[in-house]
Full PDB file with SEQRES, HELIX, SHEET, SSBOND, CRYST1, ORIGX, SCALE, CONECT and MASTER records, all heavy atoms in Angstrom:
SEQRES   1 A   39  GLY ALA GLY LEU GLY VAL THR PRO ALA ASP PRO ALA PHE          
SEQRES   2 A   39  PRO GLY LEU ARG ASP GLU PHE LEU ASP GLU TYR GLU ALA          
SEQRES   3 A   39  ASP LEU MET ARG ASP SER VAL LEU PHE PRO GLY VAL ALA          
HELIX    1 AA1 PHE A   13  ALA A   26  1                                  14    
CRYST1    1.000    1.000    1.000  90.00  90.00  90.00 P 1           1          
ORIGX1      1.000000  0.000000  0.000000        0.00000                         
ORIGX2      0.000000  1.000000  0.000000        0.00000                         
ORIGX3      0.000000  0.000000  1.000000        0.00000                         
SCALE1      1.000000  0.000000  0.000000        0.00000                         
SCALE2      0.000000  1.000000  0.000000        0.00000                         
SCALE3      0.000000  0.000000  1.000000        0.00000                         
ATOM      1  N   GLY A   1     -34.334 -37.879-134.199  1.00  0.00           N  
ATOM      2  CA  GLY A   1     -33.550 -36.780-134.353  1.00  0.00           C  
ATOM      3  C   GLY A   1     -34.149 -35.736-135.252  1.00  0.00           C  
ATOM      4  O   GLY A   1     -34.101 -34.462-134.831  1.00  0.00           O  
ATOM      5  N   ALA A   2     -34.606 -36.122-136.374  1.00  0.00           N  
ATOM      6  CA  ALA A   2     -35.234 -35.129-137.350  1.00  0.00           C  
ATOM      7  C   ALA A   2     -36.506 -34.574-136.777  1.00  0.00           C  
ATOM      8  O   ALA A   2     -36.779 -33.371-137.035  1.00  0.00           O  
ATOM      9  CB  ALA A   2     -35.384 -35.798-138.695  1.00  0.00           C  
ATOM     10  N   GLY A   3     -37.392 -35.320-136.218  1.00  0.00           N  
ATOM     11  CA  GLY A   3     -38.623 -34.950-135.805  1.00  0.00           C  
ATOM     12  C   GLY A   3     -38.850 -34.410-134.417  1.00  0.00           C  
ATOM     13  O   GLY A   3     -39.772 -33.584-134.153  1.00  0.00           O  
ATOM     14  N   LEU A   4     -37.978 -34.797-133.524  1.00  0.00           N  
ATOM     15  CA  LEU A   4     -38.158 -34.412-132.118  1.00  0.00           C  
ATOM     16  C   LEU A   4     -36.846 -33.729-131.575  1.00  0.00           C  
ATOM     17  O   LEU A   4     -36.846 -33.262-130.432  1.00  0.00           O  
ATOM     18  CB  LEU A   4     -38.532 -35.567-131.241  1.00  0.00           C  
ATOM     19  CG  LEU A   4     -39.884 -36.151-131.579  1.00  0.00           C  
ATOM     20  CD1 LEU A   4     -40.153 -37.407-130.741  1.00  0.00           C  
ATOM     21  CD2 LEU A   4     -40.985 -35.181-131.435  1.00  0.00           C  
ATOM     22  N   GLY A   5     -35.775 -33.714-132.367  1.00  0.00           N  
ATOM     23  CA  GLY A   5     -34.548 -33.084-131.959  1.00  0.00           C  
ATOM     24  C   GLY A   5     -33.883 -33.717-130.807  1.00  0.00           C  
ATOM     25  O   GLY A   5     -33.143 -33.134-130.061  1.00  0.00           O  
ATOM     26  N   VAL A   6     -34.067 -35.087-130.750  1.00  0.00           N  
ATOM     27  CA  VAL A   6     -33.435 -35.887-129.579  1.00  0.00           C  
ATOM     28  C   VAL A   6     -32.390 -36.873-130.138  1.00  0.00           C  
ATOM     29  O   VAL A   6     -32.833 -37.547-131.088  1.00  0.00           O  
ATOM     30  CB  VAL A   6     -34.521 -36.576-128.704  1.00  0.00           C  
ATOM     31  CG1 VAL A   6     -33.861 -37.394-127.660  1.00  0.00           C  
ATOM     32  CG2 VAL A   6     -35.486 -35.533-128.205  1.00  0.00           C  
ATOM     33  N   THR A   7     -31.261 -36.871-129.637  1.00  0.00           N  
ATOM     34  CA  THR A   7     -30.261 -37.827-130.125  1.00  0.00           C  
ATOM     35  C   THR A   7     -30.048 -38.990-129.086  1.00  0.00           C  
ATOM     36  O   THR A   7     -30.565 -38.843-127.921  1.00  0.00           O  
ATOM     37  CB  THR A   7     -28.915 -37.044-130.312  1.00  0.00           C  
ATOM     38  OG1 THR A   7     -28.362 -36.721-128.927  1.00  0.00           O  
ATOM     39  CG2 THR A   7     -28.992 -35.749-131.087  1.00  0.00           C  
ATOM     40  N   PRO A   8     -29.347 -40.022-129.482  1.00  0.00           N  
ATOM     41  CA  PRO A   8     -29.146 -41.114-128.554  1.00  0.00           C  
ATOM     42  C   PRO A   8     -28.399 -40.805-127.332  1.00  0.00           C  
ATOM     43  O   PRO A   8     -28.482 -41.486-126.303  1.00  0.00           O  
ATOM     44  CB  PRO A   8     -28.229 -42.084-129.429  1.00  0.00           C  
ATOM     45  CG  PRO A   8     -28.685 -41.804-130.845  1.00  0.00           C  
ATOM     46  CD  PRO A   8     -28.891 -40.276-130.927  1.00  0.00           C  
ATOM     47  N   ALA A   9     -27.687 -39.590-127.273  1.00  0.00           N  
ATOM     48  CA  ALA A   9     -27.003 -39.164-126.077  1.00  0.00           C  
ATOM     49  C   ALA A   9     -27.928 -38.544-125.028  1.00  0.00           C  
ATOM     50  O   ALA A   9     -27.641 -38.372-123.952  1.00  0.00           O  
ATOM     51  CB  ALA A   9     -25.927 -38.136-126.473  1.00  0.00           C  
ATOM     52  N   ASP A  10     -29.141 -38.258-125.450  1.00  0.00           N  
ATOM     53  CA  ASP A  10     -30.134 -37.622-124.563  1.00  0.00           C  
ATOM     54  C   ASP A  10     -30.793 -38.677-123.724  1.00  0.00           C  
ATOM     55  O   ASP A  10     -31.133 -39.686-124.186  1.00  0.00           O  
ATOM     56  CB  ASP A  10     -31.209 -36.931-125.436  1.00  0.00           C  
ATOM     57  CG  ASP A  10     -32.082 -36.028-124.608  1.00  0.00           C  
ATOM     58  OD1 ASP A  10     -32.820 -36.508-123.716  1.00  0.00           O  
ATOM     59  OD2 ASP A  10     -32.132 -34.765-124.885  1.00  0.00           O  
ATOM     60  N   PRO A  11     -30.986 -38.418-122.362  1.00  0.00           N  
ATOM     61  CA  PRO A  11     -31.616 -39.434-121.489  1.00  0.00           C  
ATOM     62  C   PRO A  11     -33.035 -39.807-121.900  1.00  0.00           C  
ATOM     63  O   PRO A  11     -33.425 -40.860-121.528  1.00  0.00           O  
ATOM     64  CB  PRO A  11     -31.624 -38.702-120.117  1.00  0.00           C  
ATOM     65  CG  PRO A  11     -30.569 -37.650-120.284  1.00  0.00           C  
ATOM     66  CD  PRO A  11     -30.490 -37.268-121.648  1.00  0.00           C  
ATOM     67  N   ALA A  12     -33.690 -38.969-122.677  1.00  0.00           N  
ATOM     68  CA  ALA A  12     -35.037 -39.277-123.123  1.00  0.00           C  
ATOM     69  C   ALA A  12     -35.095 -40.275-124.351  1.00  0.00           C  
ATOM     70  O   ALA A  12     -36.119 -40.688-124.658  1.00  0.00           O  
ATOM     71  CB  ALA A  12     -35.807 -37.877-123.442  1.00  0.00           C  
ATOM     72  N   PHE A  13     -33.925 -40.368-124.953  1.00  0.00           N  
ATOM     73  CA  PHE A  13     -34.007 -41.110-126.199  1.00  0.00           C  
ATOM     74  C   PHE A  13     -34.497 -42.553-126.042  1.00  0.00           C  
ATOM     75  O   PHE A  13     -35.301 -42.937-126.908  1.00  0.00           O  
ATOM     76  CB  PHE A  13     -32.602 -41.141-126.809  1.00  0.00           C  
ATOM     77  CG  PHE A  13     -32.533 -41.887-128.118  1.00  0.00           C  
ATOM     78  CD1 PHE A  13     -32.929 -41.308-129.276  1.00  0.00           C  
ATOM     79  CD2 PHE A  13     -32.114 -43.231-128.139  1.00  0.00           C  
ATOM     80  CE1 PHE A  13     -32.865 -41.922-130.465  1.00  0.00           C  
ATOM     81  CE2 PHE A  13     -32.116 -43.923-129.389  1.00  0.00           C  
ATOM     82  CZ  PHE A  13     -32.468 -43.273-130.557  1.00  0.00           C  
ATOM     83  N   PRO A  14     -34.108 -43.326-125.049  1.00  0.00           N  
ATOM     84  CA  PRO A  14     -34.610 -44.725-125.028  1.00  0.00           C  
ATOM     85  C   PRO A  14     -36.114 -44.854-124.957  1.00  0.00           C  
ATOM     86  O   PRO A  14     -36.656 -45.698-125.632  1.00  0.00           O  
ATOM     87  CB  PRO A  14     -33.936 -45.311-123.759  1.00  0.00           C  
ATOM     88  CG  PRO A  14     -32.680 -44.447-123.588  1.00  0.00           C  
ATOM     89  CD  PRO A  14     -33.040 -43.088-124.064  1.00  0.00           C  
ATOM     90  N   GLY A  15     -36.726 -44.018-124.177  1.00  0.00           N  
ATOM     91  CA  GLY A  15     -38.161 -44.055-124.079  1.00  0.00           C  
ATOM     92  C   GLY A  15     -38.871 -43.660-125.370  1.00  0.00           C  
ATOM     93  O   GLY A  15     -39.856 -44.271-125.858  1.00  0.00           O  
ATOM     94  N   LEU A  16     -38.309 -42.644-126.082  1.00  0.00           N  
ATOM     95  CA  LEU A  16     -38.854 -42.178-127.342  1.00  0.00           C  
ATOM     96  C   LEU A  16     -38.641 -43.276-128.411  1.00  0.00           C  
ATOM     97  O   LEU A  16     -39.522 -43.539-129.305  1.00  0.00           O  
ATOM     98  CB  LEU A  16     -38.182 -40.886-127.745  1.00  0.00           C  
ATOM     99  CG  LEU A  16     -38.498 -39.650-126.910  1.00  0.00           C  
ATOM    100  CD1 LEU A  16     -37.672 -38.412-127.336  1.00  0.00           C  
ATOM    101  CD2 LEU A  16     -40.012 -39.298-127.037  1.00  0.00           C  
ATOM    102  N   ARG A  17     -37.442 -43.891-128.367  1.00  0.00           N  
ATOM    103  CA  ARG A  17     -37.201 -44.976-129.325  1.00  0.00           C  
ATOM    104  C   ARG A  17     -38.229 -46.105-129.165  1.00  0.00           C  
ATOM    105  O   ARG A  17     -38.742 -46.619-130.136  1.00  0.00           O  
ATOM    106  CB  ARG A  17     -35.817 -45.483-129.107  1.00  0.00           C  
ATOM    107  CG  ARG A  17     -35.402 -46.695-129.989  1.00  0.00           C  
ATOM    108  CD  ARG A  17     -34.174 -47.356-129.487  1.00  0.00           C  
ATOM    109  NE  ARG A  17     -34.320 -47.883-128.196  1.00  0.00           N  
ATOM    110  CZ  ARG A  17     -33.377 -48.059-127.217  1.00  0.00           C  
ATOM    111  NH1 ARG A  17     -32.105 -47.696-127.511  1.00  0.00           N  
ATOM    112  NH2 ARG A  17     -33.677 -48.439-126.036  1.00  0.00           N  
ATOM    113  N   ASP A  18     -38.431 -46.509-127.908  1.00  0.00           N  
ATOM    114  CA  ASP A  18     -39.405 -47.596-127.696  1.00  0.00           C  
ATOM    115  C   ASP A  18     -40.803 -47.187-128.193  1.00  0.00           C  
ATOM    116  O   ASP A  18     -41.561 -47.985-128.755  1.00  0.00           O  
ATOM    117  CB  ASP A  18     -39.454 -47.967-126.191  1.00  0.00           C  
ATOM    118  CG  ASP A  18     -38.166 -48.652-125.721  1.00  0.00           C  
ATOM    119  OD1 ASP A  18     -37.352 -49.058-126.629  1.00  0.00           O  
ATOM    120  OD2 ASP A  18     -37.946 -48.724-124.505  1.00  0.00           O  
ATOM    121  N   GLU A  19     -41.168 -45.918-127.961  1.00  0.00           N  
ATOM    122  CA  GLU A  19     -42.518 -45.481-128.357  1.00  0.00           C  
ATOM    123  C   GLU A  19     -42.538 -45.451-129.864  1.00  0.00           C  
ATOM    124  O   GLU A  19     -43.590 -45.909-130.519  1.00  0.00           O  
ATOM    125  CB  GLU A  19     -42.719 -44.014-127.786  1.00  0.00           C  
ATOM    126  CG  GLU A  19     -44.000 -43.421-128.225  1.00  0.00           C  
ATOM    127  CD  GLU A  19     -44.240 -41.990-127.745  1.00  0.00           C  
ATOM    128  OE1 GLU A  19     -43.395 -41.565-126.917  1.00  0.00           O  
ATOM    129  OE2 GLU A  19     -45.169 -41.403-128.221  1.00  0.00           O  
ATOM    130  N   PHE A  20     -41.490 -45.036-130.607  1.00  0.00           N  
ATOM    131  CA  PHE A  20     -41.468 -44.994-131.925  1.00  0.00           C  
ATOM    132  C   PHE A  20     -41.571 -46.426-132.628  1.00  0.00           C  
ATOM    133  O   PHE A  20     -42.332 -46.635-133.538  1.00  0.00           O  
ATOM    134  CB  PHE A  20     -40.139 -44.314-132.462  1.00  0.00           C  
ATOM    135  CG  PHE A  20     -39.919 -44.391-133.986  1.00  0.00           C  
ATOM    136  CD1 PHE A  20     -40.555 -43.467-134.835  1.00  0.00           C  
ATOM    137  CD2 PHE A  20     -39.247 -45.332-134.601  1.00  0.00           C  
ATOM    138  CE1 PHE A  20     -40.448 -43.485-136.210  1.00  0.00           C  
ATOM    139  CE2 PHE A  20     -39.069 -45.498-135.991  1.00  0.00           C  
ATOM    140  CZ  PHE A  20     -39.696 -44.598-136.746  1.00  0.00           C  
ATOM    141  N   LEU A  21     -40.818 -47.298-132.039  1.00  0.00           N  
ATOM    142  CA  LEU A  21     -40.843 -48.683-132.543  1.00  0.00           C  
ATOM    143  C   LEU A  21     -42.201 -49.343-132.347  1.00  0.00           C  
ATOM    144  O   LEU A  21     -42.643 -50.032-133.291  1.00  0.00           O  
ATOM    145  CB  LEU A  21     -39.755 -49.564-131.914  1.00  0.00           C  
ATOM    146  CG  LEU A  21     -38.305 -49.062-132.212  1.00  0.00           C  
ATOM    147  CD1 LEU A  21     -37.311 -49.925-131.419  1.00  0.00           C  
ATOM    148  CD2 LEU A  21     -38.037 -49.163-133.667  1.00  0.00           C  
ATOM    149  N   ASP A  22     -42.884 -49.059-131.237  1.00  0.00           N  
ATOM    150  CA  ASP A  22     -44.227 -49.592-131.073  1.00  0.00           C  
ATOM    151  C   ASP A  22     -45.221 -48.998-132.140  1.00  0.00           C  
ATOM    152  O   ASP A  22     -46.031 -49.665-132.656  1.00  0.00           O  
ATOM    153  CB  ASP A  22     -44.720 -49.280-129.696  1.00  0.00           C  
ATOM    154  CG  ASP A  22     -44.032 -50.170-128.586  1.00  0.00           C  
ATOM    155  OD1 ASP A  22     -43.349 -51.169-128.976  1.00  0.00           O  
ATOM    156  OD2 ASP A  22     -44.081 -49.784-127.416  1.00  0.00           O  
ATOM    157  N   GLU A  23     -45.029 -47.614-132.322  1.00  0.00           N  
ATOM    158  CA  GLU A  23     -45.857 -47.036-133.347  1.00  0.00           C  
ATOM    159  C   GLU A  23     -45.674 -47.601-134.702  1.00  0.00           C  
ATOM    160  O   GLU A  23     -46.570 -47.808-135.464  1.00  0.00           O  
ATOM    161  CB  GLU A  23     -45.620 -45.521-133.336  1.00  0.00           C  
ATOM    162  CG  GLU A  23     -46.240 -44.767-132.245  1.00  0.00           C  
ATOM    163  CD  GLU A  23     -47.741 -44.663-132.305  1.00  0.00           C  
ATOM    164  OE1 GLU A  23     -48.331 -44.877-133.435  1.00  0.00           O  
ATOM    165  OE2 GLU A  23     -48.372 -44.290-131.329  1.00  0.00           O  
ATOM    166  N   TYR A  24     -44.442 -47.919-135.037  1.00  0.00           N  
ATOM    167  CA  TYR A  24     -44.109 -48.383-136.369  1.00  0.00           C  
ATOM    168  C   TYR A  24     -44.584 -49.725-136.560  1.00  0.00           C  
ATOM    169  O   TYR A  24     -45.164 -50.132-137.558  1.00  0.00           O  
ATOM    170  CB  TYR A  24     -42.567 -48.298-136.609  1.00  0.00           C  
ATOM    171  CG  TYR A  24     -42.056 -48.878-137.946  1.00  0.00           C  
ATOM    172  CD1 TYR A  24     -42.644 -48.327-139.074  1.00  0.00           C  
ATOM    173  CD2 TYR A  24     -41.062 -49.874-137.973  1.00  0.00           C  
ATOM    174  CE1 TYR A  24     -42.209 -48.830-140.312  1.00  0.00           C  
ATOM    175  CE2 TYR A  24     -40.670 -50.296-139.201  1.00  0.00           C  
ATOM    176  CZ  TYR A  24     -41.203 -49.850-140.352  1.00  0.00           C  
ATOM    177  OH  TYR A  24     -40.756 -50.344-141.625  1.00  0.00           O  
ATOM    178  N   GLU A  25     -44.470 -50.566-135.516  1.00  0.00           N  
ATOM    179  CA  GLU A  25     -44.882 -51.936-135.589  1.00  0.00           C  
ATOM    180  C   GLU A  25     -46.449 -52.051-135.730  1.00  0.00           C  
ATOM    181  O   GLU A  25     -46.919 -52.966-136.433  1.00  0.00           O  
ATOM    182  CB  GLU A  25     -44.423 -52.685-134.297  1.00  0.00           C  
ATOM    183  CG  GLU A  25     -44.730 -54.192-134.349  1.00  0.00           C  
ATOM    184  CD  GLU A  25     -44.119 -54.966-133.226  1.00  0.00           C  
ATOM    185  OE1 GLU A  25     -44.112 -54.401-132.110  1.00  0.00           O  
ATOM    186  OE2 GLU A  25     -43.747 -56.123-133.425  1.00  0.00           O  
ATOM    187  N   ALA A  26     -47.095 -51.080-135.154  1.00  0.00           N  
ATOM    188  CA  ALA A  26     -48.604 -51.136-135.233  1.00  0.00           C  
ATOM    189  C   ALA A  26     -49.120 -50.839-136.641  1.00  0.00           C  
ATOM    190  O   ALA A  26     -50.233 -51.179-136.899  1.00  0.00           O  
ATOM    191  CB  ALA A  26     -49.121 -50.059-134.280  1.00  0.00           C  
ATOM    192  N   ASP A  27     -48.319 -50.217-137.510  1.00  0.00           N  
ATOM    193  CA  ASP A  27     -48.746 -49.865-138.864  1.00  0.00           C  
ATOM    194  C   ASP A  27     -47.499 -50.009-139.756  1.00  0.00           C  
ATOM    195  O   ASP A  27     -47.067 -49.054-140.396  1.00  0.00           O  
ATOM    196  CB  ASP A  27     -49.327 -48.408-138.863  1.00  0.00           C  
ATOM    197  CG  ASP A  27     -50.490 -48.343-139.857  1.00  0.00           C  
ATOM    198  OD1 ASP A  27     -50.697 -49.274-140.627  1.00  0.00           O  
ATOM    199  OD2 ASP A  27     -51.208 -47.329-139.838  1.00  0.00           O  
ATOM    200  N   LEU A  28     -47.077 -51.255-139.854  1.00  0.00           N  
ATOM    201  CA  LEU A  28     -45.839 -51.439-140.535  1.00  0.00           C  
ATOM    202  C   LEU A  28     -45.862 -51.291-142.085  1.00  0.00           C  
ATOM    203  O   LEU A  28     -44.880 -50.946-142.689  1.00  0.00           O  
ATOM    204  CB  LEU A  28     -45.404 -52.934-140.292  1.00  0.00           C  
ATOM    205  CG  LEU A  28     -44.020 -53.409-140.548  1.00  0.00           C  
ATOM    206  CD1 LEU A  28     -42.974 -52.637-139.703  1.00  0.00           C  
ATOM    207  CD2 LEU A  28     -43.845 -54.904-140.264  1.00  0.00           C  
ATOM    208  N   MET A  29     -46.984 -51.512-142.629  1.00  0.00           N  
ATOM    209  CA  MET A  29     -47.092 -51.415-144.088  1.00  0.00           C  
ATOM    210  C   MET A  29     -48.383 -50.865-144.668  1.00  0.00           C  
ATOM    211  O   MET A  29     -49.074 -51.511-145.365  1.00  0.00           O  
ATOM    212  CB  MET A  29     -46.769 -52.789-144.743  1.00  0.00           C  
ATOM    213  CG  MET A  29     -46.400 -52.676-146.195  1.00  0.00           C  
ATOM    214  SD  MET A  29     -45.868 -54.258-146.913  1.00  0.00           S  
ATOM    215  CE  MET A  29     -46.337 -53.969-148.721  1.00  0.00           C  
ATOM    216  N   ARG A  30     -48.590 -49.594-144.199  1.00  0.00           N  
ATOM    217  CA  ARG A  30     -49.772 -48.964-144.738  1.00  0.00           C  
ATOM    218  C   ARG A  30     -49.455 -48.409-146.124  1.00  0.00           C  
ATOM    219  O   ARG A  30     -50.165 -48.524-147.109  1.00  0.00           O  
ATOM    220  CB  ARG A  30     -50.146 -47.696-143.903  1.00  0.00           C  
ATOM    221  CG  ARG A  30     -51.347 -47.017-144.396  1.00  0.00           C  
ATOM    222  CD  ARG A  30     -51.631 -45.728-143.571  1.00  0.00           C  
ATOM    223  NE  ARG A  30     -52.194 -46.123-142.262  1.00  0.00           N  
ATOM    224  CZ  ARG A  30     -52.583 -45.220-141.316  1.00  0.00           C  
ATOM    225  NH1 ARG A  30     -52.435 -43.911-141.599  1.00  0.00           N  
ATOM    226  NH2 ARG A  30     -52.951 -45.637-140.198  1.00  0.00           N  
ATOM    227  N   ASP A  31     -48.255 -47.728-146.281  1.00  0.00           N  
ATOM    228  CA  ASP A  31     -47.873 -47.040-147.562  1.00  0.00           C  
ATOM    229  C   ASP A  31     -46.553 -47.499-148.050  1.00  0.00           C  
ATOM    230  O   ASP A  31     -46.066 -47.035-149.135  1.00  0.00           O  
ATOM    231  CB  ASP A  31     -47.849 -45.564-147.311  1.00  0.00           C  
ATOM    232  CG  ASP A  31     -49.198 -45.054-146.950  1.00  0.00           C  
ATOM    233  OD1 ASP A  31     -50.127 -45.285-147.732  1.00  0.00           O  
ATOM    234  OD2 ASP A  31     -49.359 -44.350-145.919  1.00  0.00           O  
ATOM    235  N   SER A  32     -45.846 -48.438-147.387  1.00  0.00           N  
ATOM    236  CA  SER A  32     -44.529 -48.961-147.938  1.00  0.00           C  
ATOM    237  C   SER A  32     -44.713 -49.816-149.189  1.00  0.00           C  
ATOM    238  O   SER A  32     -45.567 -50.573-149.190  1.00  0.00           O  
ATOM    239  CB  SER A  32     -43.716 -49.782-146.832  1.00  0.00           C  
ATOM    240  OG  SER A  32     -43.438 -48.906-145.727  1.00  0.00           O  
ATOM    241  N   VAL A  33     -43.815 -49.564-150.153  1.00  0.00           N  
ATOM    242  CA  VAL A  33     -43.909 -50.310-151.341  1.00  0.00           C  
ATOM    243  C   VAL A  33     -42.521 -50.620-151.891  1.00  0.00           C  
ATOM    244  O   VAL A  33     -41.497 -49.989-151.480  1.00  0.00           O  
ATOM    245  CB  VAL A  33     -44.673 -49.613-152.434  1.00  0.00           C  
ATOM    246  CG1 VAL A  33     -46.174 -49.390-152.141  1.00  0.00           C  
ATOM    247  CG2 VAL A  33     -44.033 -48.224-152.724  1.00  0.00           C  
ATOM    248  N   LEU A  34     -42.419 -51.653-152.721  1.00  0.00           N  
ATOM    249  CA  LEU A  34     -41.132 -51.771-153.524  1.00  0.00           C  
ATOM    250  C   LEU A  34     -40.928 -50.557-154.425  1.00  0.00           C  
ATOM    251  O   LEU A  34     -41.875 -50.072-154.915  1.00  0.00           O  
ATOM    252  CB  LEU A  34     -41.195 -53.061-154.392  1.00  0.00           C  
ATOM    253  CG  LEU A  34     -41.287 -54.416-153.698  1.00  0.00           C  
ATOM    254  CD1 LEU A  34     -41.359 -55.516-154.595  1.00  0.00           C  
ATOM    255  CD2 LEU A  34     -40.176 -54.690-152.723  1.00  0.00           C  
ATOM    256  N   PHE A  35     -39.725 -50.156-154.560  1.00  0.00           N  
ATOM    257  CA  PHE A  35     -39.465 -49.094-155.526  1.00  0.00           C  
ATOM    258  C   PHE A  35     -39.770 -49.562-156.879  1.00  0.00           C  
ATOM    259  O   PHE A  35     -39.682 -50.708-157.228  1.00  0.00           O  
ATOM    260  CB  PHE A  35     -37.893 -48.780-155.492  1.00  0.00           C  
ATOM    261  CG  PHE A  35     -37.500 -47.845-154.354  1.00  0.00           C  
ATOM    262  CD1 PHE A  35     -36.816 -48.312-153.289  1.00  0.00           C  
ATOM    263  CD2 PHE A  35     -37.906 -46.524-154.305  1.00  0.00           C  
ATOM    264  CE1 PHE A  35     -36.415 -47.544-152.203  1.00  0.00           C  
ATOM    265  CE2 PHE A  35     -37.530 -45.669-153.318  1.00  0.00           C  
ATOM    266  CZ  PHE A  35     -36.794 -46.193-152.285  1.00  0.00           C  
ATOM    267  N   PRO A  36     -40.225 -48.635-157.745  1.00  0.00           N  
ATOM    268  CA  PRO A  36     -40.502 -49.002-159.174  1.00  0.00           C  
ATOM    269  C   PRO A  36     -39.259 -49.635-159.772  1.00  0.00           C  
ATOM    270  O   PRO A  36     -38.137 -49.086-159.671  1.00  0.00           O  
ATOM    271  CB  PRO A  36     -40.769 -47.656-159.806  1.00  0.00           C  
ATOM    272  CG  PRO A  36     -41.236 -46.733-158.700  1.00  0.00           C  
ATOM    273  CD  PRO A  36     -40.516 -47.189-157.445  1.00  0.00           C  
ATOM    274  N   GLY A  37     -39.431 -50.818-160.399  1.00  0.00           N  
ATOM    275  CA  GLY A  37     -38.336 -51.468-161.099  1.00  0.00           C  
ATOM    276  C   GLY A  37     -37.740 -52.552-160.260  1.00  0.00           C  
ATOM    277  O   GLY A  37     -37.020 -53.411-160.858  1.00  0.00           O  
ATOM    278  N   VAL A  38     -37.939 -52.593-158.956  1.00  0.00           N  
ATOM    279  CA  VAL A  38     -37.398 -53.647-158.186  1.00  0.00           C  
ATOM    280  C   VAL A  38     -37.972 -55.055-158.540  1.00  0.00           C  
ATOM    281  O   VAL A  38     -37.234 -55.993-158.627  1.00  0.00           O  
ATOM    282  CB  VAL A  38     -37.607 -53.343-156.632  1.00  0.00           C  
ATOM    283  CG1 VAL A  38     -37.353 -54.611-155.804  1.00  0.00           C  
ATOM    284  CG2 VAL A  38     -36.652 -52.220-156.240  1.00  0.00           C  
ATOM    285  N   ALA A  39     -39.254 -55.144-158.668  1.00  0.00           N  
ATOM    286  CA  ALA A  39     -39.846 -56.444-159.021  1.00  0.00           C  
ATOM    287  C   ALA A  39     -39.271 -57.000-160.307  1.00  0.00           C  
ATOM    288  O   ALA A  39     -38.955 -58.132-160.474  1.00  0.00           O  
ATOM    289  CB  ALA A  39     -41.433 -56.341-159.194  1.00  0.00           C  
TER     290      ALA A  39                                                      
MASTER        0    0    0    1    0    0    0    6  289    1    0    3          
END                                                                             
């Protein structure tokens, strides 16, 4: 929604969602970290 302006009500959303999830899975933890203080 924020990056492509497409909401779940849009017919294009399912395909974009699947593309996004595949992209995310391919690089799941390049820069993700625990917040400071969580450990």
